[in-house]
Amino acid sequence: MFDARSPLGVFRRIRDGIRPPLPVYAHCDIPCGIYDPHEAQISALTVLRMDQLIAELPKPAAASTPDVWEKYSAQISRYTSVKELHAERCKQEMRILWADYFTAELATKFPQVHETFFKALKAASKARQGTAVADAQELLTQVGHVAELFWTSKDVKTQKVPSRSKAGGELVVPTA
């Protein structure tokens, strides 16, 4: 990216005004066939853990020093920033599965696909908007439903296993 006010930016704006760039037609989605709900589940776990950390963080007393309040604010900001990032990653991974993996043929074979993804995406939005641990747990549950549906569509049996992370929760994984 360039700064439109820099000499190069001014030059490009003048050049584009004289001779507008030609439209580019490209498609960035490569049908590589590599899809997996694992990253969405890990991101949902991260959202859950960040909400847990926010809930566990002791709020300073009103009379605390500015340094104490600054440290508290920095922690809340960091946890919230990570939660936001992973909630969006979770949504992105689910959108890829929904839009790219679940073809019209699969959606006909699995009529619950749209409702399953809709609920999961709504849960991700709700978890992103607040810090309620229950909302983050619901996100993990809904993403688990997406994972189960994904693996079912591939005729692969699944099992729920403990995440073995501090967040707790379970991951839906294919069985051997």
Protein backbone atom coordinates (compact mmCIF):
# COMPACT_ATOMS: atom_id res chain seq x y z
CA MET A 1 0.00 0.00 0.00
CA PHE A 2 1.15 3.52 -0.56
CA ASP A 3 0.32 6.87 0.98
CA ALA A 4 -1.87 8.81 -1.49
CA ARG A 5 -0.20 12.05 -0.33
CA SER A 6 3.36 10.90 -1.01
CA PRO A 7 5.04 11.93 -4.27
CA LEU A 8 4.56 8.41 -5.62
CA GLY A 9 0.90 8.45 -4.54
CA VAL A 10 0.29 11.80 -6.25
CA PHE A 11 1.97 10.51 -9.41
CA ARG A 12 -0.22 7.37 -9.41
CA ARG A 13 -3.41 9.39 -8.93
CA ILE A 14 -2.50 11.69 -11.85
CA ARG A 15 -1.51 8.72 -14.04
CA ASP A 16 -4.74 6.87 -13.19
CA GLY A 17 -6.74 10.03 -13.96
CA ILE A 18 -5.16 10.30 -17.41
CA ARG A 19 -5.26 6.62 -18.20
CA PRO A 20 -7.49 4.63 -15.82
CA PRO A 21 -6.24 1.17 -14.99
CA LEU A 22 -7.88 -1.73 -16.79
CA PRO A 23 -10.17 -3.92 -14.72
CA VAL A 24 -8.63 -7.12 -13.45
CA TYR A 25 -10.64 -10.29 -13.36
CA ALA A 26 -9.31 -12.79 -10.89
CA HIS A 27 -10.57 -15.47 -8.64
CA CYS A 28 -8.61 -16.05 -5.45
CA ASP A 29 -10.38 -19.21 -4.29
CA ILE A 30 -8.32 -22.18 -5.35
CA PRO A 31 -10.33 -25.40 -5.28
CA CYS A 32 -7.53 -27.25 -3.52
CA GLY A 33 -9.88 -29.56 -1.66
CA ILE A 34 -8.13 -29.03 1.67
CA TYR A 35 -10.81 -28.30 4.24
CA ASP A 36 -10.86 -29.02 7.96
CA PRO A 37 -12.86 -27.54 10.86
CA HIS A 38 -9.92 -27.86 13.27
CA GLU A 39 -8.81 -24.22 13.10
CA ALA A 40 -12.36 -23.02 13.76
CA GLN A 41 -12.47 -25.20 16.87
CA ILE A 42 -9.09 -23.97 18.11
CA SER A 43 -10.19 -20.37 17.55
CA ALA A 44 -13.41 -21.03 19.48
CA LEU A 45 -11.33 -22.48 22.33
CA THR A 46 -9.19 -19.35 22.30
CA VAL A 47 -12.28 -17.14 22.54
CA LEU A 48 -13.42 -19.23 25.50
CA ARG A 49 -10.04 -18.97 27.21
CA MET A 50 -9.84 -15.21 26.74
CA ASP A 51 -13.31 -14.78 28.27
CA GLN A 52 -12.24 -16.99 31.17
CA LEU A 53 -9.12 -14.87 31.71
CA ILE A 54 -11.16 -11.67 31.58
CA ALA A 55 -13.59 -13.10 34.16
CA GLU A 56 -10.72 -14.20 36.42
CA LEU A 57 -8.84 -10.90 36.24
CA PRO A 58 -9.28 -9.11 39.58
CA LYS A 59 -10.55 -5.58 39.13
CA PRO A 60 -8.45 -3.06 41.03
CA ALA A 61 -9.98 -1.13 43.87
CA ALA A 62 -11.19 2.36 43.04
CA ALA A 63 -8.36 3.85 45.10
CA SER A 64 -5.65 1.83 43.33
CA THR A 65 -2.66 3.62 41.88
CA PRO A 66 -2.62 4.61 38.21
CA ASP A 67 0.04 1.94 37.61
CA VAL A 68 -2.29 -0.79 38.86
CA TRP A 69 -5.14 0.52 36.69
CA GLU A 70 -2.80 0.74 33.70
CA LYS A 71 -1.72 -2.87 34.15
CA TYR A 72 -5.35 -3.98 34.48
CA SER A 73 -6.37 -2.03 31.37
CA ALA A 74 -3.46 -3.47 29.39
CA GLN A 75 -4.46 -7.03 30.33
CA ILE A 76 -8.12 -6.45 29.43
CA SER A 77 -7.03 -4.91 26.13
CA ARG A 78 -4.73 -7.82 25.30
CA TYR A 79 -7.33 -10.46 26.16
CA THR A 80 -10.00 -8.62 24.21
CA SER A 81 -7.75 -8.15 21.20
CA VAL A 82 -6.87 -11.84 21.07
CA LYS A 83 -10.53 -12.79 21.56
CA GLU A 84 -11.57 -10.50 18.68
CA LEU A 85 -8.90 -11.94 16.39
CA HIS A 86 -9.86 -15.53 17.10
CA ALA A 87 -13.61 -14.91 16.91
CA GLU A 88 -13.06 -13.50 13.42
CA ARG A 89 -10.74 -16.39 12.48
CA CYS A 90 -13.42 -18.81 13.65
CA LYS A 91 -16.03 -17.05 11.53
CA GLN A 92 -13.70 -16.96 8.53
CA GLU A 93 -12.97 -20.68 8.76
CA MET A 94 -16.66 -21.47 9.03
CA ARG A 95 -17.51 -19.21 6.08
CA ILE A 96 -14.91 -21.05 3.98
CA LEU A 97 -16.38 -24.42 4.89
CA TRP A 98 -19.94 -23.22 4.30
CA ALA A 99 -19.32 -21.43 1.02
CA ASP A 100 -16.50 -23.45 -0.53
CA TYR A 101 -16.76 -26.98 0.83
CA PHE A 102 -20.52 -27.47 1.17
CA THR A 103 -21.55 -27.53 -2.46
CA ALA A 104 -25.19 -27.43 -3.56
CA GLU A 105 -25.08 -31.22 -3.83
CA LEU A 106 -23.87 -31.59 -0.23
CA ALA A 107 -26.40 -29.02 0.98
CA THR A 108 -29.15 -31.13 -0.61
CA LYS A 109 -27.77 -34.28 1.01
CA PHE A 110 -27.45 -32.51 4.38
CA PRO A 111 -30.38 -30.09 4.60
CA GLN A 112 -29.35 -28.96 8.10
CA VAL A 113 -26.13 -27.41 6.76
CA HIS A 114 -27.43 -23.84 6.47
CA GLU A 115 -29.04 -23.80 9.90
CA THR A 116 -25.95 -25.38 11.49
CA PHE A 117 -23.62 -22.76 10.04
CA PHE A 118 -26.07 -19.91 10.70
CA LYS A 119 -26.26 -20.84 14.40
CA ALA A 120 -22.49 -21.19 14.65
CA LEU A 121 -21.82 -17.85 12.97
CA LYS A 122 -24.39 -16.13 15.18
CA ALA A 123 -22.76 -17.71 18.25
CA ALA A 124 -19.39 -16.37 17.07
CA SER A 125 -20.83 -12.89 16.72
CA LYS A 126 -22.40 -13.02 20.17
CA ALA A 127 -19.19 -14.31 21.76
CA ARG A 128 -17.26 -11.56 20.03
CA GLN A 129 -19.61 -8.82 21.26
CA GLY A 130 -19.29 -9.61 24.96
CA THR A 131 -17.20 -11.42 27.51
CA ALA A 132 -19.70 -13.94 28.89
CA VAL A 133 -18.03 -17.32 29.32
CA ALA A 134 -21.37 -19.00 28.58
CA ASP A 135 -21.47 -17.34 25.15
CA ALA A 136 -17.98 -18.59 24.36
CA GLN A 137 -18.92 -22.09 25.52
CA GLU A 138 -21.95 -21.96 23.22
CA LEU A 139 -19.65 -20.96 20.37
CA LEU A 140 -17.47 -23.99 21.02
CA THR A 141 -20.57 -26.21 21.07
CA GLN A 142 -21.89 -24.80 17.80
CA VAL A 143 -18.51 -25.11 16.09
CA GLY A 144 -18.48 -28.71 17.30
CA HIS A 145 -21.77 -29.24 15.45
CA VAL A 146 -20.15 -27.81 12.31
CA ALA A 147 -17.21 -30.19 12.73
CA GLU A 148 -19.53 -33.18 13.18
CA LEU A 149 -21.49 -32.23 10.06
CA PHE A 150 -18.29 -31.71 8.07
CA TRP A 151 -16.89 -35.13 8.97
CA THR A 152 -20.27 -36.81 8.48
CA SER A 153 -20.36 -35.40 4.95
CA LYS A 154 -17.08 -37.23 4.33
CA ASP A 155 -18.43 -40.48 5.82
CA VAL A 156 -15.92 -40.20 8.65
CA LYS A 157 -16.85 -41.14 12.20
CA THR A 158 -15.97 -38.65 14.91
CA GLN A 159 -15.42 -38.56 18.61
CA LYS A 160 -15.34 -35.80 21.16
CA VAL A 161 -12.05 -35.54 22.99
CA PRO A 162 -10.99 -33.22 25.80
CA SER A 163 -9.15 -30.21 24.43
CA ARG A 164 -6.45 -30.63 27.07
CA SER A 165 -6.17 -26.87 27.20
CA LYS A 166 -6.76 -24.55 30.14
CA ALA A 167 -10.01 -23.51 28.48
CA GLY A 168 -11.41 -27.02 28.92
CA GLY A 169 -14.09 -28.04 26.46
CA GLU A 170 -14.05 -30.71 23.83
CA LEU A 171 -12.91 -30.98 20.24
CA VAL A 172 -14.65 -33.03 17.59
CA VAL A 173 -12.05 -35.12 15.78
CA PRO A 174 -12.18 -37.88 13.19
CA THR A 175 -11.60 -41.39 14.47
CA ALA A 176 -8.89 -43.54 12.94
